[in-house]
Amino acid sequence: MNCAQLLHGVEKGDIMQSYNKWIKWGLGALAILALIGILVFFGNYFSKNNVDNSHDTVTTKSNGKNGVQVTGKTNNSNYKTVIKNGHYLTSKARGVTASKNNNQFNIISFENGLLDFSKDHFSPSDYVFQEGQYLDSNTANDWLGRKSKDNPNGLNPNDNKKTDSSRNPIYLQTIEEQDYMKQKDGKLELGGIVLGLGMNTEDTYQKEQYGANFVQKISAEDRVAQGKEMAQEVVQRYRKMNGISNDVPIVVAMYAQAPDDSLAGGNFYSWNKSASGDKLGNWNKLNYKTVTLPIQGSQDDPNQKSPAADLNKSFTNFTNNVQNFFPNLSSVTGQATYKDSQVKELNVTISTQFYSATEITNFANYVAQVAPNYLPKGVPVKISISSSSNMQAYVTKQANDDKYTTTILGNN
């Protein structure tokens, strides 16, 4: 082979090698461009859908001037809520009570029931929910205390030093404030206030320090009369607070607490409204009722026309199903809240003897699978699964949902 032939062979080989490299590079570049195009297309698609359906997602809208934001909402039956400086705006008097509340069912039915009651007066489509910001904890403590020289603002009667049925009991147990805001020109303005007054049906006291506990029953007549006077006084005091104008409507809902040993919470029994000024109008009755499931004794009568009869039957079937499938259950109980003979909410508590993470997970998933077959539709349902030592899982659904969501808390 001469030099010319050798050179020709080298040039030809280099050209073919370069050609192959360019082909491979070009195909790779086209693939990358195609991938980018696909990502851009779907990115724009999902972005557009998120904008169009923003009312169904949890988003925030900022005031921009004072760091106040409003969350989105998942459906039209829920309120938007207020966030300030990146944090949920909590109540200034959260958890303040006249005495220790030993019945946790009271807390659940009081807070949830008050929020449900508020929707009849301040629609979620028109108002934004804000935790109470006007009554602070120190003032709440004074109001819930007994009236005395040291505490002239006490709403409960003075201590008459009696230790029998003639003693002055603690009537007012708690006050819950809910603020309802209106969005106007990018700002939030107070549009209304709802006040829940929790009244005792019995008062636990001691005749001597560290002595035995005694229970004083409070008649319905005394509870209602005292509640009306206290509600009027509370409205007058709110009208004097800074930031509450004379024409902001104030709605008061009265709640009768269940006894400490009750397996259910109490009930809302009346409401009133101050449209303007510091005077209340006419009192209106509320038909709320809390029912413990399964219904025991004579109430568990298949011929009874109780509004809870059908729910009790389906709840019993649900209990039998899960207990047959998972025998290591201590108990299954429920608390249903009714308004005008219609169930509004159901809270279920399942006590287990599970110890392994797989048992908890499998059981929670099974509950979520069978619950739609037995438990009511169209209302929020919360199922708490716990052992004797800790909470293990939640199975929940919102009022407008059909499927249940499972949350596993671990096995600590």
Protein backbone atom coordinates (compact mmCIF):
# COMPACT_ATOMS: atom_id res chain seq x y z
CA MET A 1 0.00 0.00 0.00
CA ASN A 2 1.43 3.39 -0.97
CA CYS A 3 1.17 6.62 1.02
CA ALA A 4 -1.74 8.00 -0.97
CA GLN A 5 -3.82 4.92 -0.37
CA LEU A 6 -2.93 4.95 3.32
CA LEU A 7 -3.89 8.61 3.67
CA HIS A 8 -7.12 8.03 1.81
CA GLY A 9 -8.02 5.16 4.20
CA VAL A 10 -7.32 7.28 7.28
CA GLU A 11 -9.38 10.22 6.03
CA LYS A 12 -12.25 7.98 5.12
CA GLY A 13 -12.18 6.30 8.55
CA ASP A 14 -12.07 9.63 10.36
CA ILE A 15 -14.95 10.97 8.32
CA MET A 16 -17.13 7.94 9.05
CA GLN A 17 -16.28 8.10 12.74
CA SER A 18 -17.13 11.80 12.91
CA TYR A 19 -20.31 11.19 10.99
CA ASN A 20 -21.45 8.54 13.46
CA LYS A 21 -20.66 10.83 16.38
CA TRP A 22 -22.76 13.66 14.88
CA ILE A 23 -25.65 11.28 14.26
CA LYS A 24 -25.58 10.07 17.85
CA TRP A 25 -25.32 13.63 19.22
CA GLY A 26 -28.16 14.82 17.05
CA LEU A 27 -30.47 12.02 18.11
CA GLY A 28 -29.62 12.66 21.77
CA ALA A 29 -30.33 16.36 21.41
CA LEU A 30 -33.66 15.65 19.74
CA ALA A 31 -34.59 13.30 22.58
CA ILE A 32 -33.73 15.94 25.20
CA LEU A 33 -35.72 18.61 23.32
CA ALA A 34 -38.69 16.25 23.07
CA LEU A 35 -38.52 15.53 26.81
CA ILE A 36 -38.36 19.24 27.62
CA GLY A 37 -41.38 19.83 25.39
CA ILE A 38 -43.36 17.12 27.17
CA LEU A 39 -42.47 18.50 30.61
CA VAL A 40 -43.41 22.05 29.58
CA PHE A 41 -46.71 20.85 28.11
CA PHE A 42 -47.75 18.91 31.20
CA GLY A 43 -46.38 21.61 33.50
CA ASN A 44 -48.59 24.19 31.81
CA TYR A 45 -51.50 21.77 31.82
CA PHE A 46 -51.34 21.06 35.55
CA SER A 47 -50.58 24.68 36.35
CA LYS A 48 -53.66 25.76 34.44
CA ASN A 49 -55.80 23.16 36.21
CA ASN A 50 -54.49 24.24 39.61
CA VAL A 51 -55.48 27.82 38.86
CA ASP A 52 -58.89 26.85 37.58
CA ASN A 53 -59.58 24.66 40.63
CA SER A 54 -57.94 26.82 43.29
CA HIS A 55 -61.08 26.69 45.43
CA ASP A 56 -60.48 22.99 45.94
CA THR A 57 -56.85 23.29 47.06
CA VAL A 58 -55.17 24.60 50.19
CA THR A 59 -53.65 27.89 49.11
CA THR A 60 -52.99 31.22 50.77
CA LYS A 61 -53.76 34.77 49.76
CA SER A 62 -51.68 37.44 51.43
CA ASN A 63 -52.82 40.82 52.63
CA GLY A 64 -49.29 42.02 51.95
CA LYS A 65 -49.38 44.85 54.50
CA ASN A 66 -49.63 43.19 57.89
CA GLY A 67 -48.60 39.61 57.14
CA VAL A 68 -52.16 38.24 57.33
CA GLN A 69 -53.10 35.43 54.98
CA VAL A 70 -56.23 33.42 54.26
CA THR A 71 -56.10 29.69 53.58
CA GLY A 72 -58.07 28.03 50.84
CA LYS A 73 -60.73 25.44 51.60
CA THR A 74 -61.40 21.92 50.40
CA ASN A 75 -65.16 22.35 49.91
CA ASN A 76 -67.98 24.85 50.31
CA SER A 77 -68.99 23.49 53.72
CA ASN A 78 -65.68 24.51 55.32
CA TYR A 79 -64.42 27.96 56.27
CA LYS A 80 -61.30 29.63 55.02
CA THR A 81 -59.11 30.41 58.01
CA VAL A 82 -56.63 33.11 58.99
CA ILE A 83 -52.83 32.79 59.04
CA LYS A 84 -50.64 35.56 60.43
CA ASN A 85 -46.92 35.82 59.67
CA GLY A 86 -46.90 32.24 58.43
CA HIS A 87 -48.60 30.77 61.51
CA TYR A 88 -52.18 29.73 62.23
CA LEU A 89 -53.83 32.42 64.34
CA THR A 90 -54.79 30.65 67.57
CA SER A 91 -57.38 31.67 70.15
CA LYS A 92 -56.21 34.04 72.88
CA ALA A 93 -58.30 32.21 75.48
CA ARG A 94 -58.07 28.61 74.29
CA GLY A 95 -58.75 26.02 76.99
CA VAL A 96 -59.67 28.41 79.80
CA THR A 97 -62.36 26.88 82.06
CA ALA A 98 -63.77 27.63 85.49
CA SER A 99 -62.73 24.17 86.74
CA LYS A 100 -61.14 21.06 85.28
CA ASN A 101 -63.28 19.50 82.57
CA ASN A 102 -63.16 15.76 83.24
CA ASN A 103 -65.46 14.82 80.37
CA GLN A 104 -63.53 15.09 77.10
CA PHE A 105 -66.72 14.43 75.14
CA ASN A 106 -67.95 17.84 76.32
CA ILE A 107 -64.99 19.53 74.67
CA ILE A 108 -65.52 17.72 71.36
CA SER A 109 -69.27 18.31 71.08
CA PHE A 110 -69.00 21.91 72.32
CA GLU A 111 -66.35 23.07 69.86
CA ASN A 112 -67.61 21.10 66.86
CA GLY A 113 -71.23 21.93 67.59
CA LEU A 114 -70.49 25.64 67.90
CA LEU A 115 -68.75 25.67 64.52
CA ASP A 116 -71.72 23.88 62.94
CA PHE A 117 -74.13 26.31 64.61
CA SER A 118 -72.15 29.27 63.26
CA LYS A 119 -72.64 28.16 59.66
CA ASP A 120 -76.36 28.97 59.96
CA HIS A 121 -75.49 32.59 60.78
CA PHE A 122 -72.22 33.24 58.94
CA SER A 123 -72.02 31.25 55.71
CA PRO A 124 -68.63 29.70 54.80
CA SER A 125 -69.08 31.10 51.28
CA ASP A 126 -69.21 34.67 52.63
CA TYR A 127 -67.06 34.70 55.77
CA VAL A 128 -63.56 33.69 56.86
CA PHE A 129 -63.17 31.92 60.21
CA GLN A 130 -60.78 33.35 62.79
CA GLU A 131 -60.07 32.02 66.27
CA GLY A 132 -61.20 34.41 69.01
CA GLN A 133 -58.87 37.42 69.28
CA TYR A 134 -60.77 39.75 71.63
CA LEU A 135 -61.14 37.75 74.86
CA ASP A 136 -57.66 36.99 76.25
CA SER A 137 -56.87 34.28 78.80
CA ASN A 138 -56.45 36.63 81.78
CA THR A 139 -59.81 38.28 81.15
CA ALA A 140 -61.46 34.89 80.59
CA ASN A 141 -60.11 33.64 83.92
CA ASP A 142 -61.56 36.67 85.69
CA TRP A 143 -64.95 36.29 84.02
CA LEU A 144 -65.19 32.57 84.81
CA GLY A 145 -64.24 33.12 88.44
CA ARG A 146 -66.57 33.90 91.30
CA LYS A 147 -67.54 37.50 91.89
CA SER A 148 -65.68 38.92 94.89
CA LYS A 149 -63.88 42.02 96.15
CA ASP A 150 -60.71 40.77 94.49
CA ASN A 151 -62.55 39.82 91.30
CA PRO A 152 -65.47 42.20 90.65
CA ASN A 153 -65.68 40.93 87.04
CA GLY A 154 -66.52 37.37 88.05
CA LEU A 155 -69.67 36.12 86.32
CA ASN A 156 -70.21 33.18 88.67
CA PRO A 157 -71.92 34.04 91.99
CA ASN A 158 -69.94 34.74 95.14
CA ASP A 159 -69.01 31.93 97.50
CA ASN A 160 -71.66 31.92 100.25
CA LYS A 161 -69.59 29.43 102.28
CA LYS A 162 -72.37 26.85 102.26
CA THR A 163 -71.52 23.16 101.85
CA ASP A 164 -74.98 21.74 101.23
CA SER A 165 -77.55 22.15 98.45
CA SER A 166 -77.91 25.84 99.36
CA ARG A 167 -74.37 26.72 98.23
CA ASN A 168 -73.87 28.90 95.18
CA PRO A 169 -72.57 26.58 92.43
CA ILE A 170 -70.32 27.40 89.52
CA TYR A 171 -72.79 27.88 86.67
CA LEU A 172 -70.57 29.11 83.83
CA GLN A 173 -67.81 26.64 82.92
CA THR A 174 -66.33 28.08 79.72
CA ILE A 175 -66.60 30.77 77.04
CA GLU A 176 -65.67 30.14 73.42
CA GLU A 177 -65.25 33.04 70.99
CA GLN A 178 -65.29 32.66 67.21
CA ASP A 179 -64.66 35.62 64.90
CA TYR A 180 -66.05 35.79 61.37
CA MET A 181 -64.23 38.06 58.95
CA LYS A 182 -65.18 39.68 55.66
CA GLN A 183 -62.67 40.17 52.84
CA LYS A 184 -62.85 43.67 51.44
CA ASP A 185 -60.30 45.41 49.19
CA GLY A 186 -57.63 42.88 50.12
CA LYS A 187 -58.20 43.37 53.84
CA LEU A 188 -60.01 41.41 56.55
CA GLU A 189 -62.69 43.16 58.56
CA LEU A 190 -64.69 41.82 61.49
CA GLY A 191 -68.11 40.76 60.19
CA GLY A 192 -69.56 39.01 63.22
CA ILE A 193 -68.85 37.16 66.46
CA VAL A 194 -70.23 33.90 67.82
CA LEU A 195 -69.95 33.23 71.55
CA GLY A 196 -70.52 29.81 73.08
CA LEU A 197 -71.33 29.73 76.80
CA GLY A 198 -70.86 26.32 78.40
CA MET A 199 -73.18 25.97 81.42
CA ASN A 200 -72.76 23.29 84.10
CA THR A 201 -75.54 20.83 84.84
CA GLU A 202 -73.71 19.83 88.02
CA ASP A 203 -70.86 21.27 90.07
CA THR A 204 -68.19 19.20 91.81
CA TYR A 205 -66.79 20.71 95.02
CA GLN A 206 -65.00 19.88 98.28
CA LYS A 207 -66.21 20.72 101.76
CA GLU A 208 -62.62 20.96 102.92
CA GLN A 209 -59.29 21.31 101.17
CA TYR A 210 -58.03 17.97 99.82
CA GLY A 211 -61.23 16.37 101.07
CA ALA A 212 -63.73 14.16 99.29
CA ASN A 213 -65.54 15.38 96.18
CA PHE A 214 -69.24 16.17 96.34
CA VAL A 215 -71.61 16.78 93.42
CA GLN A 216 -74.24 19.49 93.44
CA LYS A 217 -76.97 19.13 90.82
CA ILE A 218 -78.08 22.28 89.01
CA SER A 219 -81.69 22.41 87.92
CA ALA A 220 -82.52 23.26 84.32
CA GLU A 221 -84.50 26.29 85.49
CA ASP A 222 -81.54 27.76 87.41
CA ARG A 223 -79.11 26.97 84.60
CA VAL A 224 -81.27 28.65 81.96
CA ALA A 225 -82.02 31.71 84.10
CA GLN A 226 -78.39 32.22 85.09
CA GLY A 227 -77.27 31.69 81.52
CA LYS A 228 -79.56 34.39 80.17
CA GLU A 229 -78.25 36.95 82.67
CA MET A 230 -74.63 36.03 81.97
CA ALA A 231 -75.11 36.14 78.20
CA GLN A 232 -76.51 39.68 78.45
CA GLU A 233 -73.57 40.79 80.60
CA VAL A 234 -71.02 39.18 78.28
CA VAL A 235 -72.47 40.95 75.22
CA GLN A 236 -72.32 44.29 77.04
CA ARG A 237 -68.68 43.71 77.90
CA TYR A 238 -67.82 42.74 74.33
CA ARG A 239 -69.35 45.95 73.01
CA LYS A 240 -66.82 47.88 75.08
CA MET A 241 -63.81 46.07 73.61
CA ASN A 242 -61.54 47.85 71.15
CA GLY A 243 -62.16 46.85 67.55
CA ILE A 244 -65.78 45.75 67.99
CA SER A 245 -68.11 48.32 66.47
CA ASN A 246 -71.66 48.88 67.65
CA ASP A 247 -73.21 47.30 64.56
CA VAL A 248 -71.16 44.07 64.41
CA PRO A 249 -73.65 41.23 65.07
CA ILE A 250 -72.91 39.10 68.14
CA VAL A 251 -74.60 35.69 68.33
CA VAL A 252 -74.66 33.73 71.61
CA ALA A 253 -75.21 29.95 71.80
CA MET A 254 -75.95 28.28 75.14
CA TYR A 255 -74.54 24.81 75.86
CA ALA A 256 -75.47 22.42 78.71
CA GLN A 257 -72.45 20.38 79.77
CA ALA A 258 -72.89 16.66 80.34
CA PRO A 259 -71.91 15.23 83.77
CA ASP A 260 -68.32 14.09 84.22
CA ASP A 261 -69.26 10.41 84.20
CA SER A 262 -71.33 10.64 81.01
CA LEU A 263 -70.17 8.71 77.94
CA ALA A 264 -71.45 11.50 75.70
CA GLY A 265 -71.06 15.26 75.49
CA GLY A 266 -73.64 17.90 76.24
CA ASN A 267 -76.08 19.78 74.00
CA PHE A 268 -76.75 23.30 72.72
CA TYR A 269 -80.19 24.34 73.88
CA SER A 270 -80.81 28.01 72.94
CA TRP A 271 -79.37 31.02 71.14
CA ASN A 272 -79.80 34.78 70.91
CA LYS A 273 -78.46 37.66 68.83
CA SER A 274 -77.42 41.25 69.35
CA ALA A 275 -77.71 42.81 65.91
CA SER A 276 -76.43 46.14 67.22
CA GLY A 277 -75.96 47.80 70.59
CA ASP A 278 -75.59 45.78 73.77
CA LYS A 279 -79.08 44.30 74.06
CA LEU A 280 -80.09 40.77 73.15
CA GLY A 281 -83.30 39.91 71.32
CA ASN A 282 -85.63 36.99 71.85
CA TRP A 283 -84.28 33.60 72.87
CA ASN A 284 -84.62 30.74 70.37
CA LYS A 285 -84.57 27.02 71.17
CA LEU A 286 -81.98 24.69 69.67
CA ASN A 287 -82.73 21.01 69.10
CA TYR A 288 -79.30 19.44 69.53
CA LYS A 289 -78.76 15.98 70.99
CA THR A 290 -75.72 13.82 71.64
CA VAL A 291 -76.18 10.04 71.51
CA THR A 292 -73.75 7.38 72.73
CA LEU A 293 -73.45 4.28 70.53
CA PRO A 294 -74.27 1.48 70.87
CA ILE A 295 -77.47 2.51 72.66
CA GLN A 296 -77.83 0.55 75.87
CA GLY A 297 -80.79 -0.75 77.87
CA SER A 298 -84.36 0.12 77.02
CA GLN A 299 -83.29 2.60 74.37
CA ASP A 300 -82.05 -0.27 72.23
CA ASP A 301 -85.57 -1.10 71.11
CA PRO A 302 -86.06 -1.97 67.41
CA ASN A 303 -89.60 -0.58 67.57
CA GLN A 304 -88.47 2.73 69.05
CA LYS A 305 -88.92 5.74 66.75
CA SER A 306 -85.73 7.39 67.97
CA PRO A 307 -83.77 9.24 65.24
CA ALA A 308 -80.74 7.21 66.34
CA ALA A 309 -82.42 3.80 65.97
CA ASP A 310 -81.26 3.20 62.39
CA LEU A 311 -77.77 4.54 63.09
CA ASN A 312 -77.52 2.34 66.17
CA LYS A 313 -78.36 -0.73 64.08
CA SER A 314 -75.78 0.03 61.39
CA PHE A 315 -73.19 0.95 64.02
CA THR A 316 -73.75 -2.40 65.76
CA ASN A 317 -73.25 -4.19 62.43
CA PHE A 318 -70.04 -2.23 61.87
CA THR A 319 -68.80 -3.19 65.34
CA ASN A 320 -69.59 -6.87 64.80
CA ASN A 321 -67.79 -6.84 61.46
CA VAL A 322 -64.52 -5.38 62.71
CA GLN A 323 -64.57 -7.43 65.92
CA ASN A 324 -65.08 -10.66 63.98
CA PHE A 325 -62.27 -9.84 61.60
CA PHE A 326 -59.89 -8.55 64.31
CA PRO A 327 -60.75 -10.24 67.63
CA ASN A 328 -58.14 -8.29 69.66
CA LEU A 329 -60.43 -5.31 70.28
CA SER A 330 -61.35 -4.07 73.74
CA SER A 331 -64.30 -1.90 72.75
CA VAL A 332 -65.94 0.09 69.97
CA THR A 333 -68.01 3.12 70.98
CA GLY A 334 -69.42 6.10 69.15
CA GLN A 335 -70.78 9.58 69.80
CA ALA A 336 -73.29 10.95 67.30
CA THR A 337 -74.38 14.58 67.30
CA TYR A 338 -77.92 15.30 66.09
CA LYS A 339 -79.52 18.56 65.06
CA ASP A 340 -83.26 18.64 64.40
CA SER A 341 -83.29 14.82 64.34
CA GLN A 342 -80.57 14.69 61.64
CA VAL A 343 -77.11 13.31 62.41
CA LYS A 344 -74.47 16.00 61.89
CA GLU A 345 -71.30 14.26 63.03
CA LEU A 346 -70.03 10.90 64.22
CA ASN A 347 -66.94 10.22 66.35
CA VAL A 348 -65.93 6.58 66.85
CA THR A 349 -63.39 5.30 69.37
CA ILE A 350 -61.84 1.83 68.93
CA SER A 351 -59.69 0.47 71.75
CA THR A 352 -57.27 -2.24 70.66
CA GLN A 353 -54.72 -4.67 72.03
CA PHE A 354 -52.44 -4.38 69.01
CA TYR A 355 -48.71 -4.05 69.48
CA SER A 356 -47.10 -4.51 66.08
CA ALA A 357 -46.98 -1.90 63.33
CA THR A 358 -48.33 -4.37 60.76
CA GLU A 359 -51.40 -5.14 62.90
CA ILE A 360 -52.18 -1.45 63.34
CA THR A 361 -51.72 -0.69 59.65
CA ASN A 362 -53.76 -3.65 58.43
CA PHE A 363 -56.55 -2.98 60.90
CA ALA A 364 -56.77 0.74 60.04
CA ASN A 365 -56.88 -0.08 56.34
CA TYR A 366 -59.60 -2.66 56.93
CA VAL A 367 -61.68 -0.16 58.92
CA ALA A 368 -61.36 2.37 56.09
CA GLN A 369 -62.53 -0.30 53.65
CA VAL A 370 -65.66 -1.43 55.52
CA ALA A 371 -66.73 1.86 57.17
CA PRO A 372 -68.53 3.20 54.05
CA ASN A 373 -70.80 0.13 54.11
CA TYR A 374 -72.13 0.87 57.60
CA LEU A 375 -71.46 4.42 58.79
CA PRO A 376 -73.55 7.43 57.67
CA LYS A 377 -72.89 9.28 54.44
CA GLY A 378 -72.97 13.03 54.01
CA VAL A 379 -71.56 13.78 57.49
CA PRO A 380 -67.99 14.01 58.82
CA VAL A 381 -66.79 10.81 60.52
CA LYS A 382 -63.68 10.45 62.67
CA ILE A 383 -62.53 7.01 63.88
CA SER A 384 -59.80 7.01 66.54
CA ILE A 385 -57.84 3.80 67.05
CA SER A 386 -55.82 3.57 70.26
CA SER A 387 -54.30 1.17 72.76
CA SER A 388 -54.25 1.66 76.53
CA SER A 389 -51.00 3.60 76.24
CA ASN A 390 -51.16 5.66 73.05
CA MET A 391 -53.07 6.75 69.98
CA GLN A 392 -52.28 4.48 67.03
CA ALA A 393 -54.23 5.66 64.00
CA TYR A 394 -57.03 7.85 62.64
CA VAL A 395 -59.52 6.96 59.92
CA THR A 396 -61.50 9.98 58.77
CA LYS A 397 -63.70 11.42 56.04
CA GLN A 398 -65.23 14.81 55.36
CA ALA A 399 -68.94 15.33 54.89
CA ASN A 400 -68.75 15.42 51.09
CA ASP A 401 -66.33 12.48 50.76
CA ASP A 402 -67.13 8.83 50.14
CA LYS A 403 -63.69 7.40 50.83
CA TYR A 404 -61.91 7.35 54.18
CA THR A 405 -58.35 8.56 54.75
CA THR A 406 -56.03 6.55 57.01
CA THR A 407 -53.32 8.14 59.17
CA ILE A 408 -50.94 5.81 61.02
CA LEU A 409 -49.29 7.39 64.05
CA GLY A 410 -46.76 4.63 64.72
CA ASN A 411 -46.22 2.13 67.45
CA ASN A 412 -44.26 3.97 70.14
